[in-house]
Amino acid sequence: MRIPPCNRGGKDADGYVMGGILKRRWLEKACNIVPSVLIVCFDWSEDLLLSAPEKTQAVSHLQHAQRQARDREIRVLVFAVVHQDTADLEIACAPLRQQFEGTAGGPIICAKGMAGLHGSAQKLERLVFQNAVSFYADEEKRQKRIWKPPPPHASPKAYALMQVRAQFKVAFLCEFRRDARSALLSYIKAYEMLMAATGDTADLPEQLALCCCISLRMYQRYLHSLDMKAAVHHCRVQAMNLRHRGEGPHGEYAWLKWHWLALNHKCFAELLENVAQQMPKLVNAADLWQLPGFHYQRAATYAARLRSWAHGAAVSGKLRAASGLGGDLVPGPFLGQLDRLERPEEAEDPALEVALRAARAVAADP
């Protein structure tokens, strides 16, 4: 396997530019590509005695795994299954132990044949969990230290966005550690920072998309903790904040409000449905905001408002036409941002051009 190298330190350089808050690539790597623990396995169950070339190959394989893990400080564990008639496990695993423990590695887990797998597997599972928690805890500490204090080249806007990024990442890493309370605290901080951001600080589509993403995680954490009141309270706060968002100087962002309001209520309704099915006593029928039907109705209302806006924009001609300059649209690297122009230098205002194209697309197919 190949673990992609990390690109740390770039954000401290003088020419660093904050192009957005959270890269899609970071989420992809955190969830699917970069492991917290790398397990190197050796199956020697068929051979009672290993030849010298086999020992050399095993050490080389372990060294390769350690090089892959070193850059990101990934934890490495070694699991070896030796022949069931092996008399001394220490001697059998000596080449690995010398390489592994000599480079600050942990203990080597050995099993005697297939019969010894069960007990060793339980020990391995425990070590994997402990090392994974340790890895994510260290990552959280690293994220919390970023730009504290801020470097001289960091503008107030860049510093504000960097703190939102750090809090979101910390919350996400806390979820990996199954620390719901710490995750919620960091999500709340990131949400409040985003809501306090002005149009000059954060891109509006990116701001709303991230707020909705954070809100969804908060709903799930609150409901998983059986805190219905907190989940409903945040849903009210989120709906109020969405209703008071701006529309852009040319009305290019008017559709975002209705789109996210409808999606917010629809997602919350689906979560409430699951709660009502699994734990009906948790739902207070006297509170409309705890009833899935209420939120489905709200979602339908806002979807109708979106269609009404689309019809009005198409008929009245109030929505300014896009110039068509800049080439095709390509996906942006940051979560929540609209697409980017293929050749932005051709457009007078690339951001407005993209926004107008997006609004026109929604007006044509709401």
Foldseek 3Di string as FASTA:
>chain_A
DAADFDDPPPCQDLPDDDPAQFFPVVVCCVPPGPAQEAEAEEEAQPPQDDDPVVLVVSLVVVVVVCVRCVRLVRAYAYEYEHHLPHDDPCVVCVSVCCNAVVVVHDDHQYAHHPVRCVVSVVVVVVVSLVSSLVSLVVVLVVLVCPCVVPHPSQDPLNVLSSLLNSLQSNLVSVVVNVNLVSNLVSLVVSLVSLLPDDVVRHPVQQSLQSNLVSLLSNLVSCVVVLNLVVNLVVLVVNLVSLVPDDQDPQSLNVLVSLVSLLVSLQSNLVVLVVCCVPPVVSADPVDLSSHSVSSNVRSVVSVVVSLVVLVCCVPVVSRDAAPCPQDDWDCDRRPRDFTFGPGQVGDPDRNVNRSSVVSNVSSVPD
